[in-house]
Amino acid sequence: LWLCGAGWSGLALPDAPVGVPESFDEHFKIMFDLQVLAFRAEITRIATMMYARDTSLSVYPQSGVRESFHVASHHSNARAQMDRFAIINRYHVQMLAYFLEKLKATPDGDGTLLDHSMVLYGSGISDGNKHWHTNLPLLLAGSGGGSLTPGRLVRNKETPITNLYLSL
């Protein structure tokens, strides 16, 4: 199937999946592929994707951990539990890396979709064990068409996250 018309430029569409894939990997790759396609076709320039609800008992067996994300986040400062939680988080970031690589590999004007995007990844809680909502672990990728300077680590413990949202 090909899309034609304003902004579509004859883009080839992938085959539609039959239902929701069973594995988280497959499901999220399809969702990320659809976002890249929507950006490329200029259908939208904004997308939101949530891995799971905050209190979800979702399990990510592909991560190698059989415990749910939420349960693992309440690690009680036990090293083994914290390590399992870190493994799940690493797995989630690997899913994000798939999306960022797709954006980076997709031409867009004088650069790539990643060059012209701002991708915010993170959580509203910095320590699930204590339910802290400060010092949030966030990743901001892309250059925003030149409005962002990538490759920096910024530590800001006092500024509310809403200020970042407004700046973006």
C-alpha atoms as a PDB file:
ATOM      1  CA  LEU A   1       0.000   0.000   0.000  1.00  0.00           C
ATOM      2  CA  TRP A   2       1.286   3.478  -0.894  1.00  0.00           C
ATOM      3  CA  LEU A   3       0.146   6.804   0.502  1.00  0.00           C
ATOM      4  CA  CYS A   4      -0.050   9.762  -1.830  1.00  0.00           C
ATOM      5  CA  GLY A   5      -0.999  13.384  -1.345  1.00  0.00           C
ATOM      6  CA  ALA A   6       0.320  16.394   0.573  1.00  0.00           C
ATOM      7  CA  GLY A   7       3.218  15.383   2.788  1.00  0.00           C
ATOM      8  CA  TRP A   8       2.937  11.699   1.972  1.00  0.00           C
ATOM      9  CA  SER A   9       5.419  11.621  -0.953  1.00  0.00           C
ATOM     10  CA  GLY A  10       4.479   8.083  -1.919  1.00  0.00           C
ATOM     11  CA  LEU A  11       5.486   6.489   1.388  1.00  0.00           C
ATOM     12  CA  ALA A  12       5.358   2.709   1.537  1.00  0.00           C
ATOM     13  CA  LEU A  13       3.298   1.396   4.427  1.00  0.00           C
ATOM     14  CA  PRO A  14       4.264  -1.762   6.282  1.00  0.00           C
ATOM     15  CA  ASP A  15       1.844  -4.664   6.320  1.00  0.00           C
ATOM     16  CA  ALA A  16      -0.793  -4.326   9.020  1.00  0.00           C
ATOM     17  CA  PRO A  17      -0.287  -6.725  11.926  1.00  0.00           C
ATOM     18  CA  VAL A  18      -2.976  -9.245  12.747  1.00  0.00           C
ATOM     19  CA  GLY A  19      -4.007  -8.145  16.222  1.00  0.00           C
ATOM     20  CA  VAL A  20      -1.725  -6.935  18.986  1.00  0.00           C
ATOM     21  CA  PRO A  21       1.593  -8.811  19.058  1.00  0.00           C
ATOM     22  CA  GLU A  22       2.133 -10.972  22.122  1.00  0.00           C
ATOM     23  CA  SER A  23       5.633  -9.739  22.864  1.00  0.00           C
ATOM     24  CA  PHE A  24       6.312  -6.269  24.198  1.00  0.00           C
ATOM     25  CA  ASP A  25       9.254  -5.951  21.776  1.00  0.00           C
ATOM     26  CA  GLU A  26       7.131  -6.545  18.691  1.00  0.00           C
ATOM     27  CA  HIS A  27       4.272  -4.370  19.953  1.00  0.00           C
ATOM     28  CA  PHE A  28       6.468  -1.393  20.750  1.00  0.00           C
ATOM     29  CA  LYS A  29       8.485  -1.647  17.553  1.00  0.00           C
ATOM     30  CA  ILE A  30       5.237  -1.447  15.592  1.00  0.00           C
ATOM     31  CA  MET A  31       4.118   1.538  17.661  1.00  0.00           C
ATOM     32  CA  PHE A  32       7.473   3.287  17.149  1.00  0.00           C
ATOM     33  CA  ASP A  33       7.377   2.485  13.409  1.00  0.00           C
ATOM     34  CA  LEU A  34       3.927   4.081  13.196  1.00  0.00           C
ATOM     35  CA  GLN A  35       5.171   7.215  14.947  1.00  0.00           C
ATOM     36  CA  VAL A  36       8.112   7.527  12.545  1.00  0.00           C
ATOM     37  CA  LEU A  37       5.750   7.039   9.613  1.00  0.00           C
ATOM     38  CA  ALA A  38       3.357   9.692  10.969  1.00  0.00           C
ATOM     39  CA  PHE A  39       6.232  12.171  11.435  1.00  0.00           C
ATOM     40  CA  ARG A  40       7.651  11.409   7.997  1.00  0.00           C
ATOM     41  CA  ALA A  41       4.257  11.832   6.348  1.00  0.00           C
ATOM     42  CA  GLU A  42       3.707  15.064   8.300  1.00  0.00           C
ATOM     43  CA  ILE A  43       0.475  13.737   9.742  1.00  0.00           C
ATOM     44  CA  THR A  44       1.607  14.953  13.155  1.00  0.00           C
ATOM     45  CA  ARG A  45       4.660  16.364  14.884  1.00  0.00           C
ATOM     46  CA  ILE A  46       3.622  15.285  18.390  1.00  0.00           C
ATOM     47  CA  ALA A  47       3.270  11.790  19.826  1.00  0.00           C
ATOM     48  CA  THR A  48       3.026  10.357  23.302  1.00  0.00           C
ATOM     49  CA  MET A  49       3.669   6.766  24.230  1.00  0.00           C
ATOM     50  CA  MET A  50       3.422   5.281  27.688  1.00  0.00           C
ATOM     51  CA  TYR A  51       5.145   1.962  28.327  1.00  0.00           C
ATOM     52  CA  ALA A  52       2.624   1.099  31.049  1.00  0.00           C
ATOM     53  CA  ARG A  53       0.478   2.792  33.700  1.00  0.00           C
ATOM     54  CA  ASP A  54       2.276   3.687  36.917  1.00  0.00           C
ATOM     55  CA  THR A  55       0.644   0.938  38.957  1.00  0.00           C
ATOM     56  CA  SER A  56       0.662  -1.606  36.134  1.00  0.00           C
ATOM     57  CA  LEU A  57       1.775  -5.097  36.949  1.00  0.00           C
ATOM     58  CA  SER A  58       3.221  -5.463  33.437  1.00  0.00           C
ATOM     59  CA  VAL A  59       6.027  -7.987  33.201  1.00  0.00           C
ATOM     60  CA  TYR A  60       8.733  -7.800  30.530  1.00  0.00           C
ATOM     61  CA  PRO A  61      10.010 -11.380  30.153  1.00  0.00           C
ATOM     62  CA  GLN A  62      12.330 -10.327  27.304  1.00  0.00           C
ATOM     63  CA  SER A  63      14.272  -8.327  29.907  1.00  0.00           C
ATOM     64  CA  GLY A  64      15.128 -11.525  31.753  1.00  0.00           C
ATOM     65  CA  VAL A  65      13.225 -10.419  34.866  1.00  0.00           C
ATOM     66  CA  ARG A  66       9.973 -12.172  35.721  1.00  0.00           C
ATOM     67  CA  GLU A  67       8.872  -9.607  38.305  1.00  0.00           C
ATOM     68  CA  SER A  68       6.592  -6.738  37.336  1.00  0.00           C
ATOM     69  CA  PHE A  69       8.034  -3.266  36.873  1.00  0.00           C
ATOM     70  CA  HIS A  70       5.903  -1.793  39.644  1.00  0.00           C
ATOM     71  CA  VAL A  71       6.783  -4.462  42.190  1.00  0.00           C
ATOM     72  CA  ALA A  72      10.479  -4.209  41.265  1.00  0.00           C
ATOM     73  CA  SER A  73      10.346  -0.421  41.738  1.00  0.00           C
ATOM     74  CA  HIS A  74       9.541  -1.003  45.426  1.00  0.00           C
ATOM     75  CA  HIS A  75      12.974  -2.483  46.013  1.00  0.00           C
ATOM     76  CA  SER A  76      13.262  -1.763  49.785  1.00  0.00           C
ATOM     77  CA  ASN A  77      16.893  -0.796  49.115  1.00  0.00           C
ATOM     78  CA  ALA A  78      17.774  -4.477  48.715  1.00  0.00           C
ATOM     79  CA  ARG A  79      20.679  -4.726  46.247  1.00  0.00           C
ATOM     80  CA  ALA A  80      19.319  -7.789  44.389  1.00  0.00           C
ATOM     81  CA  GLN A  81      15.934  -6.131  43.935  1.00  0.00           C
ATOM     82  CA  MET A  82      17.536  -2.848  42.811  1.00  0.00           C
ATOM     83  CA  ASP A  83      19.596  -4.811  40.276  1.00  0.00           C
ATOM     84  CA  ARG A  84      16.452  -6.459  38.865  1.00  0.00           C
ATOM     85  CA  PHE A  85      14.778  -3.060  38.601  1.00  0.00           C
ATOM     86  CA  ALA A  86      17.848  -1.702  36.771  1.00  0.00           C
ATOM     87  CA  ILE A  87      17.651  -4.600  34.292  1.00  0.00           C
ATOM     88  CA  ILE A  88      14.010  -3.752  33.483  1.00  0.00           C
ATOM     89  CA  ASN A  89      14.897  -0.078  33.059  1.00  0.00           C
ATOM     90  CA  ARG A  90      17.819  -0.965  30.771  1.00  0.00           C
ATOM     91  CA  TYR A  91      15.429  -3.060  28.693  1.00  0.00           C
ATOM     92  CA  HIS A  92      13.021  -0.113  28.392  1.00  0.00           C
ATOM     93  CA  VAL A  93      15.848   2.182  27.285  1.00  0.00           C
ATOM     94  CA  GLN A  94      16.811  -0.372  24.627  1.00  0.00           C
ATOM     95  CA  MET A  95      13.278  -0.040  23.249  1.00  0.00           C
ATOM     96  CA  LEU A  96      13.752   3.737  23.183  1.00  0.00           C
ATOM     97  CA  ALA A  97      17.082   3.263  21.364  1.00  0.00           C
ATOM     98  CA  TYR A  98      15.203   1.412  18.604  1.00  0.00           C
ATOM     99  CA  PHE A  99      12.967   4.474  18.129  1.00  0.00           C
ATOM    100  CA  LEU A 100      15.863   6.947  18.205  1.00  0.00           C
ATOM    101  CA  GLU A 101      17.785   4.899  15.626  1.00  0.00           C
ATOM    102  CA  LYS A 102      14.716   4.866  13.349  1.00  0.00           C
ATOM    103  CA  LEU A 103      14.452   8.663  13.659  1.00  0.00           C
ATOM    104  CA  LYS A 104      18.177   9.040  12.995  1.00  0.00           C
ATOM    105  CA  ALA A 105      17.961   6.827   9.881  1.00  0.00           C
ATOM    106  CA  THR A 106      15.000   8.737   8.407  1.00  0.00           C
ATOM    107  CA  PRO A 107      15.881  11.697   6.160  1.00  0.00           C
ATOM    108  CA  ASP A 108      13.950  14.901   6.826  1.00  0.00           C
ATOM    109  CA  GLY A 109      14.732  18.091   4.926  1.00  0.00           C
ATOM    110  CA  ASP A 110      18.341  19.102   5.568  1.00  0.00           C
ATOM    111  CA  GLY A 111      18.883  16.399   8.211  1.00  0.00           C
ATOM    112  CA  THR A 112      17.064  13.526   9.845  1.00  0.00           C
ATOM    113  CA  LEU A 113      13.879  13.222  11.854  1.00  0.00           C
ATOM    114  CA  LEU A 114      16.040  12.976  14.978  1.00  0.00           C
ATOM    115  CA  ASP A 115      17.782  16.248  14.061  1.00  0.00           C
ATOM    116  CA  HIS A 116      14.388  17.933  13.859  1.00  0.00           C
ATOM    117  CA  SER A 117      12.807  16.266  16.899  1.00  0.00           C
ATOM    118  CA  MET A 118      12.741  16.548  20.667  1.00  0.00           C
ATOM    119  CA  VAL A 119      12.189  13.190  22.337  1.00  0.00           C
ATOM    120  CA  LEU A 120      11.615  13.244  26.089  1.00  0.00           C
ATOM    121  CA  TYR A 121      11.887   9.946  27.946  1.00  0.00           C
ATOM    122  CA  GLY A 122      11.578   9.469  31.666  1.00  0.00           C
ATOM    123  CA  SER A 123       9.408   9.022  34.681  1.00  0.00           C
ATOM    124  CA  GLY A 124       7.416  11.156  37.069  1.00  0.00           C
ATOM    125  CA  ILE A 125       9.047   9.330  39.990  1.00  0.00           C
ATOM    126  CA  SER A 126      12.765   9.266  40.745  1.00  0.00           C
ATOM    127  CA  ASP A 127      12.599   6.596  43.438  1.00  0.00           C
ATOM    128  CA  GLY A 128       9.614   4.265  43.283  1.00  0.00           C
ATOM    129  CA  ASN A 129      10.508   2.825  46.637  1.00  0.00           C
ATOM    130  CA  LYS A 130      10.013   6.214  48.324  1.00  0.00           C
ATOM    131  CA  HIS A 131       7.603   7.730  45.768  1.00  0.00           C
ATOM    132  CA  TRP A 132       9.883  10.733  45.270  1.00  0.00           C
ATOM    133  CA  HIS A 133       8.784  13.178  42.591  1.00  0.00           C
ATOM    134  CA  THR A 134      11.999  15.238  42.578  1.00  0.00           C
ATOM    135  CA  ASN A 135      15.340  14.851  40.783  1.00  0.00           C
ATOM    136  CA  LEU A 136      13.618  12.965  37.960  1.00  0.00           C
ATOM    137  CA  PRO A 137      15.679  10.767  35.651  1.00  0.00           C
ATOM    138  CA  LEU A 138      14.954  12.217  32.207  1.00  0.00           C
ATOM    139  CA  LEU A 139      16.529  11.820  28.810  1.00  0.00           C
ATOM    140  CA  LEU A 140      16.047  14.458  26.125  1.00  0.00           C
ATOM    141  CA  ALA A 141      17.178  13.351  22.667  1.00  0.00           C
ATOM    142  CA  GLY A 142      17.294  15.121  19.317  1.00  0.00           C
ATOM    143  CA  SER A 143      18.300  18.613  18.325  1.00  0.00           C
ATOM    144  CA  GLY A 144      14.875  20.185  17.923  1.00  0.00           C
ATOM    145  CA  GLY A 145      15.903  21.700  14.591  1.00  0.00           C
ATOM    146  CA  GLY A 146      18.903  23.357  16.237  1.00  0.00           C
ATOM    147  CA  SER A 147      17.146  24.623  19.354  1.00  0.00           C
ATOM    148  CA  LEU A 148      18.731  21.943  21.593  1.00  0.00           C
ATOM    149  CA  THR A 149      22.384  21.212  22.261  1.00  0.00           C
ATOM    150  CA  PRO A 150      22.703  17.434  22.595  1.00  0.00           C
ATOM    151  CA  GLY A 151      25.439  15.547  24.401  1.00  0.00           C
ATOM    152  CA  ARG A 152      25.151  17.236  27.778  1.00  0.00           C
ATOM    153  CA  LEU A 153      24.359  16.094  31.289  1.00  0.00           C
ATOM    154  CA  VAL A 154      22.308  18.634  33.202  1.00  0.00           C
ATOM    155  CA  ARG A 155      21.664  18.225  36.908  1.00  0.00           C
ATOM    156  CA  ASN A 156      18.849  20.376  38.157  1.00  0.00           C
ATOM    157  CA  LYS A 157      17.263  19.355  41.417  1.00  0.00           C
ATOM    158  CA  GLU A 158      15.211  22.466  42.149  1.00  0.00           C
ATOM    159  CA  THR A 159      13.434  23.394  38.906  1.00  0.00           C
ATOM    160  CA  PRO A 160       9.970  21.822  38.419  1.00  0.00           C
ATOM    161  CA  ILE A 161       9.608  19.558  35.393  1.00  0.00           C
ATOM    162  CA  THR A 162       6.782  21.762  34.142  1.00  0.00           C
ATOM    163  CA  ASN A 163       9.408  24.402  33.345  1.00  0.00           C
ATOM    164  CA  LEU A 164      11.088  21.906  30.988  1.00  0.00           C
ATOM    165  CA  TYR A 165       7.732  21.142  29.373  1.00  0.00           C
ATOM    166  CA  LEU A 166       7.094  24.852  28.809  1.00  0.00           C
ATOM    167  CA  SER A 167      10.568  25.308  27.330  1.00  0.00           C
ATOM    168  CA  LEU A 168      10.048  22.432  24.920  1.00  0.00           C
END
